[in-house]
PDB file of all heavy atoms in Angstrom:
ATOM      1  N   GLN A   1       0.770  -1.226  -0.016  1.00  0.00           N
ATOM      2  CA  GLN A   1      -0.040   0.028  -0.011  1.00  0.00           C
ATOM      3  C   GLN A   1       0.872   1.310  -0.008  1.00  0.00           C
ATOM      4  O   GLN A   1       0.560   2.198  -0.632  1.00  0.00           O
ATOM      5  CB  GLN A   1      -0.957  -0.064   1.271  1.00  0.00           C
ATOM      6  CG  GLN A   1      -1.919   1.178   1.312  1.00  0.00           C
ATOM      7  CD  GLN A   1      -2.866   0.960   2.362  1.00  0.00           C
ATOM      8  OE1 GLN A   1      -2.996   0.036   3.058  1.00  0.00           O
ATOM      9  NE2 GLN A   1      -3.719   2.061   2.486  1.00  0.00           N
ATOM     10  N   GLU A   2       1.972   1.215   0.726  1.00  0.00           N
ATOM     11  CA  GLU A   2       2.862   2.337   0.802  1.00  0.00           C
ATOM     12  C   GLU A   2       3.410   2.724  -0.601  1.00  0.00           C
ATOM     13  O   GLU A   2       3.471   3.889  -1.022  1.00  0.00           O
ATOM     14  CB  GLU A   2       4.005   2.198   1.859  1.00  0.00           C
ATOM     15  CG  GLU A   2       3.588   2.034   3.205  1.00  0.00           C
ATOM     16  CD  GLU A   2       2.907   0.747   3.653  1.00  0.00           C
ATOM     17  OE1 GLU A   2       2.921  -0.193   2.813  1.00  0.00           O
ATOM     18  OE2 GLU A   2       2.168   0.695   4.727  1.00  0.00           O
ATOM     19  N   THR A   3       3.818   1.686  -1.299  1.00  0.00           N
ATOM     20  CA  THR A   3       4.396   1.927  -2.667  1.00  0.00           C
ATOM     21  C   THR A   3       3.379   2.514  -3.560  1.00  0.00           C
ATOM     22  O   THR A   3       3.605   3.459  -4.263  1.00  0.00           O
ATOM     23  CB  THR A   3       4.981   0.623  -3.232  1.00  0.00           C
ATOM     24  OG1 THR A   3       5.951   0.083  -2.318  1.00  0.00           O
ATOM     25  CG2 THR A   3       5.561   0.878  -4.580  1.00  0.00           C
ATOM     26  N   TRP A   4       2.124   1.900  -3.428  1.00  0.00           N
ATOM     27  CA  TRP A   4       1.071   2.377  -4.424  1.00  0.00           C
ATOM     28  C   TRP A   4       0.683   3.813  -4.043  1.00  0.00           C
ATOM     29  O   TRP A   4       0.430   4.651  -4.942  1.00  0.00           O
ATOM     30  CB  TRP A   4      -0.177   1.558  -4.159  1.00  0.00           C
ATOM     31  CG  TRP A   4      -1.396   1.906  -4.907  1.00  0.00           C
ATOM     32  CD1 TRP A   4      -1.587   1.750  -6.205  1.00  0.00           C
ATOM     33  CD2 TRP A   4      -2.432   2.747  -4.417  1.00  0.00           C
ATOM     34  NE1 TRP A   4      -2.824   2.363  -6.592  1.00  0.00           N
ATOM     35  CE2 TRP A   4      -3.335   2.937  -5.434  1.00  0.00           C
ATOM     36  CE3 TRP A   4      -2.797   3.356  -3.189  1.00  0.00           C
ATOM     37  CZ2 TRP A   4      -4.381   3.693  -5.396  1.00  0.00           C
ATOM     38  CZ3 TRP A   4      -3.895   4.043  -3.093  1.00  0.00           C
ATOM     39  CH2 TRP A   4      -4.857   4.185  -4.164  1.00  0.00           C
ATOM     40  N   GLN A   5       0.612   4.199  -2.735  1.00  0.00           N
ATOM     41  CA  GLN A   5       0.252   5.510  -2.410  1.00  0.00           C
ATOM     42  C   GLN A   5       1.433   6.558  -2.873  1.00  0.00           C
ATOM     43  O   GLN A   5       1.098   7.667  -3.292  1.00  0.00           O
ATOM     44  CB  GLN A   5       0.095   5.713  -0.798  1.00  0.00           C
ATOM     45  CG  GLN A   5      -1.102   5.063  -0.249  1.00  0.00           C
ATOM     46  CD  GLN A   5      -1.096   5.006   1.190  1.00  0.00           C
ATOM     47  OE1 GLN A   5      -0.172   5.042   1.857  1.00  0.00           O
ATOM     48  NE2 GLN A   5      -2.376   4.955   1.733  1.00  0.00           N
ATOM     49  N   ALA A   6       2.707   6.061  -2.777  1.00  0.00           N
ATOM     50  CA  ALA A   6       3.813   7.012  -3.252  1.00  0.00           C
ATOM     51  C   ALA A   6       3.586   7.218  -4.750  1.00  0.00           C
ATOM     52  O   ALA A   6       3.763   8.379  -5.305  1.00  0.00           O
ATOM     53  CB  ALA A   6       5.137   6.294  -2.906  1.00  0.00           C
ATOM     54  N   ARG A   7       3.279   6.080  -5.527  1.00  0.00           N
ATOM     55  CA  ARG A   7       3.152   6.239  -6.973  1.00  0.00           C
ATOM     56  C   ARG A   7       1.967   7.102  -7.294  1.00  0.00           C
ATOM     57  O   ARG A   7       2.072   7.935  -8.121  1.00  0.00           O
ATOM     58  CB  ARG A   7       3.040   4.852  -7.607  1.00  0.00           C
ATOM     59  CG  ARG A   7       2.865   4.972  -9.034  1.00  0.00           C
ATOM     60  CD  ARG A   7       2.675   3.513  -9.626  1.00  0.00           C
ATOM     61  NE  ARG A   7       1.448   2.759  -9.067  1.00  0.00           N
ATOM     62  CZ  ARG A   7       0.333   3.090  -9.661  1.00  0.00           C
ATOM     63  NH1 ARG A   7       0.053   3.916 -10.545  1.00  0.00           N
ATOM     64  NH2 ARG A   7      -0.784   2.429  -9.038  1.00  0.00           N
ATOM     65  N   ARG A   8       0.868   6.885  -6.578  1.00  0.00           N
ATOM     66  CA  ARG A   8      -0.296   7.714  -6.874  1.00  0.00           C
ATOM     67  C   ARG A   8      -0.140   9.077  -6.569  1.00  0.00           C
ATOM     68  O   ARG A   8      -0.803   9.975  -7.057  1.00  0.00           O
ATOM     69  CB  ARG A   8      -1.492   7.079  -6.094  1.00  0.00           C
ATOM     70  CG  ARG A   8      -2.865   7.583  -6.582  1.00  0.00           C
ATOM     71  CD  ARG A   8      -4.007   6.823  -5.946  1.00  0.00           C
ATOM     72  NE  ARG A   8      -5.164   7.184  -6.509  1.00  0.00           N
ATOM     73  CZ  ARG A   8      -6.398   6.586  -6.170  1.00  0.00           C
ATOM     74  NH1 ARG A   8      -6.469   5.563  -5.259  1.00  0.00           N
ATOM     75  NH2 ARG A   8      -7.567   6.997  -6.721  1.00  0.00           N
ATOM     76  N   GLY A   9       0.754   9.447  -5.529  1.00  0.00           N
ATOM     77  CA  GLY A   9       0.920  10.722  -5.139  1.00  0.00           C
ATOM     78  C   GLY A   9       1.601  11.526  -6.201  1.00  0.00           C
ATOM     79  O   GLY A   9       1.560  12.779  -6.209  1.00  0.00           O
ATOM     80  N   THR A  10       2.196  10.935  -7.234  1.00  0.00           N
ATOM     81  CA  THR A  10       2.879  11.695  -8.341  1.00  0.00           C
ATOM     82  C   THR A  10       1.858  11.912  -9.474  1.00  0.00           C
ATOM     83  O   THR A  10       2.188  12.647 -10.444  1.00  0.00           O
ATOM     84  CB  THR A  10       4.047  10.838  -8.886  1.00  0.00           C
ATOM     85  OG1 THR A  10       3.521   9.622  -9.476  1.00  0.00           O
ATOM     86  CG2 THR A  10       4.948  10.521  -7.757  1.00  0.00           C
ATOM     87  N   GLU A  11       0.750  11.329  -9.428  1.00  0.00           N
ATOM     88  CA  GLU A  11      -0.276  11.486 -10.447  1.00  0.00           C
ATOM     89  C   GLU A  11      -1.331  12.576 -10.009  1.00  0.00           C
ATOM     90  O   GLU A  11      -1.265  13.148  -8.936  1.00  0.00           O
ATOM     91  CB  GLU A  11      -1.081  10.225 -10.694  1.00  0.00           C
ATOM     92  CG  GLU A  11      -0.161   9.079 -10.993  1.00  0.00           C
ATOM     93  CD  GLU A  11      -0.913   7.685 -11.000  1.00  0.00           C
ATOM     94  OE1 GLU A  11      -2.097   7.750 -10.492  1.00  0.00           O
ATOM     95  OE2 GLU A  11      -0.323   6.666 -11.466  1.00  0.00           O
ATOM     96  N   PRO A  12      -2.131  13.076 -11.054  1.00  0.00           N
ATOM     97  CA  PRO A  12      -3.105  14.144 -10.636  1.00  0.00           C
ATOM     98  C   PRO A  12      -4.117  13.702  -9.510  1.00  0.00           C
ATOM     99  O   PRO A  12      -4.260  12.486  -9.619  1.00  0.00           O
ATOM    100  CB  PRO A  12      -3.857  14.317 -12.028  1.00  0.00           C
ATOM    101  CG  PRO A  12      -2.867  13.903 -13.115  1.00  0.00           C
ATOM    102  CD  PRO A  12      -2.053  12.880 -12.417  1.00  0.00           C
ATOM    103  N   ALA A  13      -4.529  14.613  -8.813  1.00  0.00           N
ATOM    104  CA  ALA A  13      -5.449  14.261  -7.671  1.00  0.00           C
ATOM    105  C   ALA A  13      -6.542  13.484  -8.213  1.00  0.00           C
ATOM    106  O   ALA A  13      -7.246  13.826  -9.142  1.00  0.00           O
ATOM    107  CB  ALA A  13      -5.842  15.478  -6.906  1.00  0.00           C
ATOM    108  N   VAL A  14      -6.795  12.309  -7.498  1.00  0.00           N
ATOM    109  CA  VAL A  14      -8.039  11.553  -7.753  1.00  0.00           C
ATOM    110  C   VAL A  14      -9.206  12.162  -6.995  1.00  0.00           C
ATOM    111  O   VAL A  14      -9.151  12.163  -5.723  1.00  0.00           O
ATOM    112  CB  VAL A  14      -7.724  10.055  -7.456  1.00  0.00           C
ATOM    113  CG1 VAL A  14      -9.032   9.256  -7.502  1.00  0.00           C
ATOM    114  CG2 VAL A  14      -6.755   9.401  -8.337  1.00  0.00           C
ATOM    115  N   GLU A  15     -10.257  12.540  -7.624  1.00  0.00           N
ATOM    116  CA  GLU A  15     -11.325  13.134  -6.989  1.00  0.00           C
ATOM    117  C   GLU A  15     -12.474  12.246  -6.687  1.00  0.00           C
ATOM    118  O   GLU A  15     -13.441  12.584  -6.060  1.00  0.00           O
ATOM    119  CB  GLU A  15     -11.798  14.448  -7.854  1.00  0.00           C
ATOM    120  CG  GLU A  15     -10.723  15.390  -7.968  1.00  0.00           C
ATOM    121  CD  GLU A  15     -11.118  16.545  -8.957  1.00  0.00           C
ATOM    122  OE1 GLU A  15     -12.506  16.753  -9.098  1.00  0.00           O
ATOM    123  OE2 GLU A  15     -10.396  17.201  -9.496  1.00  0.00           O
ATOM    124  N   LEU A  16     -12.457  11.084  -7.300  1.00  0.00           N
ATOM    125  CA  LEU A  16     -13.521  10.093  -7.159  1.00  0.00           C
ATOM    126  C   LEU A  16     -13.032   8.777  -7.516  1.00  0.00           C
ATOM    127  O   LEU A  16     -12.148   8.552  -8.332  1.00  0.00           O
ATOM    128  CB  LEU A  16     -14.721  10.387  -8.153  1.00  0.00           C
ATOM    129  CG  LEU A  16     -15.897   9.442  -8.108  1.00  0.00           C
ATOM    130  CD1 LEU A  16     -17.200  10.255  -8.447  1.00  0.00           C
ATOM    131  CD2 LEU A  16     -15.718   8.336  -9.217  1.00  0.00           C
ATOM    132  N   ASP A  17     -13.293   7.617  -6.687  1.00  0.00           N
ATOM    133  CA  ASP A  17     -12.948   6.397  -6.901  1.00  0.00           C
ATOM    134  C   ASP A  17     -14.175   5.534  -7.237  1.00  0.00           C
ATOM    135  O   ASP A  17     -15.268   5.637  -6.562  1.00  0.00           O
ATOM    136  CB  ASP A  17     -12.295   5.722  -5.768  1.00  0.00           C
ATOM    137  CG  ASP A  17     -10.779   5.949  -5.781  1.00  0.00           C
ATOM    138  OD1 ASP A  17     -10.181   5.884  -6.783  1.00  0.00           O
ATOM    139  OD2 ASP A  17     -10.177   6.135  -4.564  1.00  0.00           O
ATOM    140  N   VAL A  18     -14.100   4.799  -8.309  1.00  0.00           N
ATOM    141  CA  VAL A  18     -15.228   3.746  -8.734  1.00  0.00           C
ATOM    142  C   VAL A  18     -14.845   2.464  -8.077  1.00  0.00           C
ATOM    143  O   VAL A  18     -13.787   1.946  -8.337  1.00  0.00           O
ATOM    144  CB  VAL A  18     -15.217   3.670 -10.222  1.00  0.00           C
ATOM    145  CG1 VAL A  18     -16.320   2.682 -10.614  1.00  0.00           C
ATOM    146  CG2 VAL A  18     -15.467   4.995 -10.974  1.00  0.00           C
ATOM    147  N   VAL A  19     -15.675   1.988  -7.135  1.00  0.00           N
ATOM    148  CA  VAL A  19     -15.415   0.801  -6.387  1.00  0.00           C
ATOM    149  C   VAL A  19     -16.387  -0.291  -7.002  1.00  0.00           C
ATOM    150  O   VAL A  19     -17.617  -0.142  -7.105  1.00  0.00           O
ATOM    151  CB  VAL A  19     -15.807   0.982  -4.911  1.00  0.00           C
ATOM    152  CG1 VAL A  19     -15.720  -0.334  -4.180  1.00  0.00           C
ATOM    153  CG2 VAL A  19     -14.831   2.092  -4.359  1.00  0.00           C
ATOM    154  N   ILE A  20     -15.676  -1.362  -7.410  1.00  0.00           N
ATOM    155  CA  ILE A  20     -16.403  -2.553  -8.075  1.00  0.00           C
ATOM    156  C   ILE A  20     -15.996  -3.770  -7.290  1.00  0.00           C
ATOM    157  O   ILE A  20     -14.849  -4.107  -7.283  1.00  0.00           O
ATOM    158  CB  ILE A  20     -15.939  -2.545  -9.556  1.00  0.00           C
ATOM    159  CG1 ILE A  20     -16.221  -1.254 -10.251  1.00  0.00           C
ATOM    160  CG2 ILE A  20     -16.741  -3.779 -10.230  1.00  0.00           C
ATOM    161  CD1 ILE A  20     -15.580  -1.243 -11.684  1.00  0.00           C
ATOM    162  N   ALA A  21     -17.065  -4.454  -6.799  1.00  0.00           N
ATOM    163  CA  ALA A  21     -16.837  -5.831  -6.235  1.00  0.00           C
ATOM    164  C   ALA A  21     -17.036  -6.785  -7.324  1.00  0.00           C
ATOM    165  O   ALA A  21     -18.011  -6.681  -8.058  1.00  0.00           O
ATOM    166  CB  ALA A  21     -17.725  -6.012  -5.049  1.00  0.00           C
ATOM    167  N   THR A  22     -16.248  -7.846  -7.374  1.00  0.00           N
ATOM    168  CA  THR A  22     -16.388  -8.867  -8.436  1.00  0.00           C
ATOM    169  C   THR A  22     -15.979 -10.203  -7.943  1.00  0.00           C
ATOM    170  O   THR A  22     -15.184 -10.298  -7.128  1.00  0.00           O
ATOM    171  CB  THR A  22     -15.514  -8.458  -9.669  1.00  0.00           C
ATOM    172  OG1 THR A  22     -15.761  -9.424 -10.779  1.00  0.00           O
ATOM    173  CG2 THR A  22     -14.024  -8.519  -9.409  1.00  0.00           C
ATOM    174  N   ARG A  23     -16.652 -11.233  -8.637  1.00  0.00           N
ATOM    175  CA  ARG A  23     -16.240 -12.581  -8.167  1.00  0.00           C
ATOM    176  C   ARG A  23     -16.571 -13.527  -9.281  1.00  0.00           C
ATOM    177  O   ARG A  23     -17.825 -13.632  -9.677  1.00  0.00           O
ATOM    178  CB  ARG A  23     -16.985 -13.147  -6.889  1.00  0.00           C
ATOM    179  CG  ARG A  23     -16.612 -14.501  -6.441  1.00  0.00           C
ATOM    180  CD  ARG A  23     -17.107 -14.700  -5.006  1.00  0.00           C
ATOM    181  NE  ARG A  23     -16.468 -16.005  -4.440  1.00  0.00           N
ATOM    182  CZ  ARG A  23     -17.218 -17.155  -4.500  1.00  0.00           C
ATOM    183  NH1 ARG A  23     -18.458 -17.178  -4.947  1.00  0.00           N
ATOM    184  NH2 ARG A  23     -16.635 -18.154  -3.991  1.00  0.00           N
ATOM    185  N   ASP A  24     -15.605 -14.150  -9.953  1.00  0.00           N
ATOM    186  CA  ASP A  24     -15.816 -15.128 -11.037  1.00  0.00           C
ATOM    187  C   ASP A  24     -16.686 -14.612 -12.118  1.00  0.00           C
ATOM    188  O   ASP A  24     -17.343 -15.285 -12.880  1.00  0.00           O
ATOM    189  CB  ASP A  24     -16.380 -16.375 -10.529  1.00  0.00           C
ATOM    190  CG  ASP A  24     -15.428 -17.064  -9.518  1.00  0.00           C
ATOM    191  OD1 ASP A  24     -14.264 -17.097  -9.723  1.00  0.00           O
ATOM    192  OD2 ASP A  24     -15.965 -17.733  -8.496  1.00  0.00           O
ATOM    193  N   ARG A  25     -16.534 -13.327 -12.487  1.00  0.00           N
ATOM    194  CA  ARG A  25     -17.339 -12.725 -13.591  1.00  0.00           C
ATOM    195  C   ARG A  25     -16.559 -13.098 -14.899  1.00  0.00           C
ATOM    196  O   ARG A  25     -15.310 -13.018 -14.866  1.00  0.00           O
ATOM    197  CB  ARG A  25     -17.416 -11.257 -13.464  1.00  0.00           C
ATOM    198  CG  ARG A  25     -18.133 -10.561 -14.650  1.00  0.00           C
ATOM    199  CD  ARG A  25     -19.591 -10.867 -14.609  1.00  0.00           C
ATOM    200  NE  ARG A  25     -20.298 -10.353 -13.403  1.00  0.00           N
ATOM    201  CZ  ARG A  25     -21.538 -10.625 -13.159  1.00  0.00           C
ATOM    202  NH1 ARG A  25     -22.219 -11.476 -13.959  1.00  0.00           N
ATOM    203  NH2 ARG A  25     -22.146 -10.065 -12.093  1.00  0.00           N
ATOM    204  N   PRO A  26     -17.265 -13.561 -15.894  1.00  0.00           N
ATOM    205  CA  PRO A  26     -16.528 -13.881 -17.218  1.00  0.00           C
ATOM    206  C   PRO A  26     -15.646 -12.690 -17.651  1.00  0.00           C
ATOM    207  O   PRO A  26     -16.119 -11.563 -17.573  1.00  0.00           O
ATOM    208  CB  PRO A  26     -17.732 -14.105 -18.135  1.00  0.00           C
ATOM    209  CG  PRO A  26     -18.864 -14.651 -17.267  1.00  0.00           C
ATOM    210  CD  PRO A  26     -18.718 -13.859 -16.025  1.00  0.00           C
ATOM    211  N   PRO A  27     -14.540 -13.028 -18.145  1.00  0.00           N
ATOM    212  CA  PRO A  27     -13.491 -11.904 -18.463  1.00  0.00           C
ATOM    213  C   PRO A  27     -14.104 -10.897 -19.350  1.00  0.00           C
ATOM    214  O   PRO A  27     -13.819  -9.736 -19.202  1.00  0.00           O
ATOM    215  CB  PRO A  27     -12.399 -12.717 -19.037  1.00  0.00           C
ATOM    216  CG  PRO A  27     -12.447 -14.100 -18.476  1.00  0.00           C
ATOM    217  CD  PRO A  27     -13.885 -14.373 -18.349  1.00  0.00           C
ATOM    218  N   HIS A  28     -14.939 -11.258 -20.449  1.00  0.00           N
ATOM    219  CA  HIS A  28     -15.313 -10.353 -21.387  1.00  0.00           C
ATOM    220  C   HIS A  28     -16.246  -9.273 -20.828  1.00  0.00           C
ATOM    221  O   HIS A  28     -16.378  -8.176 -21.214  1.00  0.00           O
ATOM    222  CB  HIS A  28     -15.871 -11.025 -22.646  1.00  0.00           C
ATOM    223  CG  HIS A  28     -17.277 -11.727 -22.340  1.00  0.00           C
ATOM    224  ND1 HIS A  28     -17.291 -12.990 -21.694  1.00  0.00           N
ATOM    225  CD2 HIS A  28     -18.546 -11.260 -22.586  1.00  0.00           C
ATOM    226  CE1 HIS A  28     -18.569 -13.305 -21.626  1.00  0.00           C
ATOM    227  NE2 HIS A  28     -19.283 -12.340 -22.142  1.00  0.00           N
ATOM    228  N   LYS A  29     -17.117  -9.778 -19.792  1.00  0.00           N
ATOM    229  CA  LYS A  29     -18.003  -8.846 -19.100  1.00  0.00           C
ATOM    230  C   LYS A  29     -17.235  -7.784 -18.256  1.00  0.00           C
ATOM    231  O   LYS A  29     -17.574  -6.602 -18.404  1.00  0.00           O
ATOM    232  CB  LYS A  29     -18.842  -9.665 -18.019  1.00  0.00           C
ATOM    233  CG  LYS A  29     -19.737 -10.602 -18.762  1.00  0.00           C
ATOM    234  CD  LYS A  29     -21.126  -9.980 -19.139  1.00  0.00           C
ATOM    235  CE  LYS A  29     -22.194 -11.030 -19.480  1.00  0.00           C
ATOM    236  NZ  LYS A  29     -23.457 -10.397 -19.776  1.00  0.00           N
ATOM    237  N   LEU A  30     -16.204  -8.218 -17.523  1.00  0.00           N
ATOM    238  CA  LEU A  30     -15.436  -7.190 -16.813  1.00  0.00           C
ATOM    239  C   LEU A  30     -14.633  -6.390 -17.722  1.00  0.00           C
ATOM    240  O   LEU A  30     -14.416  -5.154 -17.485  1.00  0.00           O
ATOM    241  CB  LEU A  30     -14.526  -7.970 -15.862  1.00  0.00           C
ATOM    242  CG  LEU A  30     -13.731  -7.074 -14.825  1.00  0.00           C
ATOM    243  CD1 LEU A  30     -14.655  -6.186 -14.045  1.00  0.00           C
ATOM    244  CD2 LEU A  30     -12.900  -7.992 -13.869  1.00  0.00           C
ATOM    245  N   ALA A  31     -14.225  -6.966 -18.855  1.00  0.00           N
ATOM    246  CA  ALA A  31     -13.312  -6.116 -19.896  1.00  0.00           C
ATOM    247  C   ALA A  31     -14.313  -5.022 -20.403  1.00  0.00           C
ATOM    248  O   ALA A  31     -13.806  -3.896 -20.496  1.00  0.00           O
ATOM    249  CB  ALA A  31     -12.896  -6.996 -20.932  1.00  0.00           C
ATOM    250  N   ALA A  32     -15.548  -5.283 -20.664  1.00  0.00           N
ATOM    251  CA  ALA A  32     -16.404  -4.296 -21.146  1.00  0.00           C
ATOM    252  C   ALA A  32     -16.677  -3.197 -20.171  1.00  0.00           C
ATOM    253  O   ALA A  32     -16.749  -2.006 -20.461  1.00  0.00           O
ATOM    254  CB  ALA A  32     -17.771  -4.889 -21.689  1.00  0.00           C
ATOM    255  N   CYS A  33     -16.843  -3.582 -18.868  1.00  0.00           N
ATOM    256  CA  CYS A  33     -17.074  -2.602 -17.917  1.00  0.00           C
ATOM    257  C   CYS A  33     -15.892  -1.680 -17.786  1.00  0.00           C
ATOM    258  O   CYS A  33     -16.051  -0.487 -17.722  1.00  0.00           O
ATOM    259  CB  CYS A  33     -17.332  -3.451 -16.553  1.00  0.00           C
ATOM    260  SG  CYS A  33     -17.382  -2.387 -15.038  1.00  0.00           S
ATOM    261  N   LEU A  34     -14.594  -2.238 -17.803  1.00  0.00           N
ATOM    262  CA  LEU A  34     -13.376  -1.368 -17.599  1.00  0.00           C
ATOM    263  C   LEU A  34     -13.293  -0.550 -18.864  1.00  0.00           C
ATOM    264  O   LEU A  34     -12.755   0.533 -18.749  1.00  0.00           O
ATOM    265  CB  LEU A  34     -12.157  -2.234 -17.443  1.00  0.00           C
ATOM    266  CG  LEU A  34     -12.155  -3.035 -16.120  1.00  0.00           C
ATOM    267  CD1 LEU A  34     -10.932  -3.930 -16.038  1.00  0.00           C
ATOM    268  CD2 LEU A  34     -12.005  -1.971 -14.945  1.00  0.00           C
ATOM    269  N   ASP A  35     -13.519  -1.032 -20.042  1.00  0.00           N
ATOM    270  CA  ASP A  35     -13.351  -0.316 -21.226  1.00  0.00           C
ATOM    271  C   ASP A  35     -14.241   0.964 -21.310  1.00  0.00           C
ATOM    272  O   ASP A  35     -13.777   1.979 -21.724  1.00  0.00           O
ATOM    273  CB  ASP A  35     -13.542  -1.255 -22.471  1.00  0.00           C
ATOM    274  CG  ASP A  35     -13.201  -0.568 -23.773  1.00  0.00           C
ATOM    275  OD1 ASP A  35     -11.982  -0.201 -23.934  1.00  0.00           O
ATOM    276  OD2 ASP A  35     -14.119  -0.398 -24.678  1.00  0.00           O
ATOM    277  N   ALA A  36     -15.447   0.786 -20.845  1.00  0.00           N
ATOM    278  CA  ALA A  36     -16.384   1.919 -20.706  1.00  0.00           C
ATOM    279  C   ALA A  36     -15.825   2.971 -19.803  1.00  0.00           C
ATOM    280  O   ALA A  36     -16.009   4.221 -20.056  1.00  0.00           O
ATOM    281  CB  ALA A  36     -17.755   1.421 -20.332  1.00  0.00           C
ATOM    282  N   LEU A  37     -15.210   2.540 -18.705  1.00  0.00           N
ATOM    283  CA  LEU A  37     -14.610   3.507 -17.817  1.00  0.00           C
ATOM    284  C   LEU A  37     -13.441   4.268 -18.434  1.00  0.00           C
ATOM    285  O   LEU A  37     -13.075   5.424 -18.081  1.00  0.00           O
ATOM    286  CB  LEU A  37     -14.157   2.863 -16.502  1.00  0.00           C
ATOM    287  CG  LEU A  37     -15.309   2.375 -15.658  1.00  0.00           C
ATOM    288  CD1 LEU A  37     -14.817   1.510 -14.434  1.00  0.00           C
ATOM    289  CD2 LEU A  37     -16.092   3.573 -15.146  1.00  0.00           C
ATOM    290  N   ARG A  38     -12.758   3.597 -19.338  1.00  0.00           N
ATOM    291  CA  ARG A  38     -11.585   4.294 -20.068  1.00  0.00           C
ATOM    292  C   ARG A  38     -12.074   5.419 -20.883  1.00  0.00           C
ATOM    293  O   ARG A  38     -11.315   6.313 -21.200  1.00  0.00           O
ATOM    294  CB  ARG A  38     -10.916   3.227 -20.996  1.00  0.00           C
ATOM    295  CG  ARG A  38     -10.133   2.224 -20.196  1.00  0.00           C
ATOM    296  CD  ARG A  38      -9.386   1.240 -21.350  1.00  0.00           C
ATOM    297  NE  ARG A  38      -8.628   2.014 -22.157  1.00  0.00           N
ATOM    298  CZ  ARG A  38      -8.527   1.745 -23.490  1.00  0.00           C
ATOM    299  NH1 ARG A  38      -9.178   0.913 -24.056  1.00  0.00           N
ATOM    300  NH2 ARG A  38      -7.604   2.470 -24.236  1.00  0.00           N
ATOM    301  N   HIS A  39     -13.351   5.392 -21.240  1.00  0.00           N
ATOM    302  CA  HIS A  39     -13.790   6.462 -22.227  1.00  0.00           C
ATOM    303  C   HIS A  39     -14.726   7.485 -21.562  1.00  0.00           C
ATOM    304  O   HIS A  39     -15.448   8.212 -22.127  1.00  0.00           O
ATOM    305  CB  HIS A  39     -14.606   5.742 -23.292  1.00  0.00           C
ATOM    306  CG  HIS A  39     -13.858   4.925 -24.097  1.00  0.00           C
ATOM    307  ND1 HIS A  39     -13.625   3.554 -24.004  1.00  0.00           N
ATOM    308  CD2 HIS A  39     -13.165   5.190 -25.338  1.00  0.00           C
ATOM    309  CE1 HIS A  39     -12.864   3.070 -24.857  1.00  0.00           C
ATOM    310  NE2 HIS A  39     -12.577   3.985 -25.718  1.00  0.00           N
ATOM    311  N   GLN A  40     -14.424   7.667 -20.136  1.00  0.00           N
ATOM    312  CA  GLN A  40     -15.198   8.758 -19.449  1.00  0.00           C
ATOM    313  C   GLN A  40     -14.627  10.155 -19.742  1.00  0.00           C
ATOM    314  O   GLN A  40     -13.399  10.231 -20.073  1.00  0.00           O
ATOM    315  CB  GLN A  40     -15.012   8.451 -17.869  1.00  0.00           C
ATOM    316  CG  GLN A  40     -15.736   7.243 -17.445  1.00  0.00           C
ATOM    317  CD  GLN A  40     -17.182   7.389 -17.624  1.00  0.00           C
ATOM    318  OE1 GLN A  40     -17.892   8.261 -17.127  1.00  0.00           O
ATOM    319  NE2 GLN A  40     -17.753   6.393 -18.342  1.00  0.00           N
ATOM    320  N   THR A  41     -15.478  11.084 -19.909  1.00  0.00           N
ATOM    321  CA  THR A  41     -15.140  12.394 -20.195  1.00  0.00           C
ATOM    322  C   THR A  41     -14.313  13.043 -18.937  1.00  0.00           C
ATOM    323  O   THR A  41     -13.452  13.907 -19.126  1.00  0.00           O
ATOM    324  CB  THR A  41     -16.314  13.360 -20.542  1.00  0.00           C
ATOM    325  OG1 THR A  41     -17.250  13.382 -19.441  1.00  0.00           O
ATOM    326  CG2 THR A  41     -16.912  12.786 -21.771  1.00  0.00           C
ATOM    327  N   PHE A  42     -14.689  12.708 -17.829  1.00  0.00           N
ATOM    328  CA  PHE A  42     -14.021  13.038 -16.597  1.00  0.00           C
ATOM    329  C   PHE A  42     -12.824  12.223 -16.355  1.00  0.00           C
ATOM    330  O   PHE A  42     -12.975  11.043 -16.320  1.00  0.00           O
ATOM    331  CB  PHE A  42     -15.021  13.159 -15.410  1.00  0.00           C
ATOM    332  CG  PHE A  42     -14.448  13.659 -14.171  1.00  0.00           C
ATOM    333  CD1 PHE A  42     -14.534  14.972 -13.866  1.00  0.00           C
ATOM    334  CD2 PHE A  42     -13.943  12.780 -13.180  1.00  0.00           C
ATOM    335  CE1 PHE A  42     -14.046  15.525 -12.645  1.00  0.00           C
ATOM    336  CE2 PHE A  42     -13.342  13.263 -12.020  1.00  0.00           C
ATOM    337  CZ  PHE A  42     -13.459  14.690 -11.688  1.00  0.00           C
ATOM    338  N   ARG A  43     -11.697  12.840 -16.057  1.00  0.00           N
ATOM    339  CA  ARG A  43     -10.473  11.981 -16.035  1.00  0.00           C
ATOM    340  C   ARG A  43      -9.955  11.790 -14.668  1.00  0.00           C
ATOM    341  O   ARG A  43      -9.036  10.915 -14.446  1.00  0.00           O
ATOM    342  CB  ARG A  43      -9.375  12.753 -16.941  1.00  0.00           C
ATOM    343  CG  ARG A  43      -9.771  12.937 -18.319  1.00  0.00           C
ATOM    344  CD  ARG A  43     -10.284  11.623 -18.989  1.00  0.00           C
ATOM    345  NE  ARG A  43      -9.364  10.507 -18.942  1.00  0.00           N
ATOM    346  CZ  ARG A  43      -9.587   9.280 -19.280  1.00  0.00           C
ATOM    347  NH1 ARG A  43     -10.934   8.935 -19.549  1.00  0.00           N
ATOM    348  NH2 ARG A  43      -8.677   8.326 -19.210  1.00  0.00           N
ATOM    349  N   HIS A  44     -10.162  12.620 -13.737  1.00  0.00           N
ATOM    350  CA  HIS A  44      -9.539  12.604 -12.451  1.00  0.00           C
ATOM    351  C   HIS A  44     -10.263  11.578 -11.412  1.00  0.00           C
ATOM    352  O   HIS A  44     -10.790  11.973 -10.394  1.00  0.00           O
ATOM    353  CB  HIS A  44      -9.532  14.064 -11.762  1.00  0.00           C
ATOM    354  CG  HIS A  44      -8.860  15.056 -12.608  1.00  0.00           C
ATOM    355  ND1 HIS A  44      -7.543  14.855 -13.042  1.00  0.00           N
ATOM    356  CD2 HIS A  44      -9.207  16.226 -13.017  1.00  0.00           C
ATOM    357  CE1 HIS A  44      -7.245  15.958 -13.766  1.00  0.00           C
ATOM    358  NE2 HIS A  44      -8.236  16.703 -13.825  1.00  0.00           N
TER     359      HIS A  44
END
């Protein structure tokens, strides 16, 4: 966690976190979910 926080501290401030719980979801379903998040107009 410390390494991740240090790395994230060098990036633009994150103003919102999308929290997703998952268990054994078929890969293509989760892939589509993540791909849609890649195309958000809001970036932070």
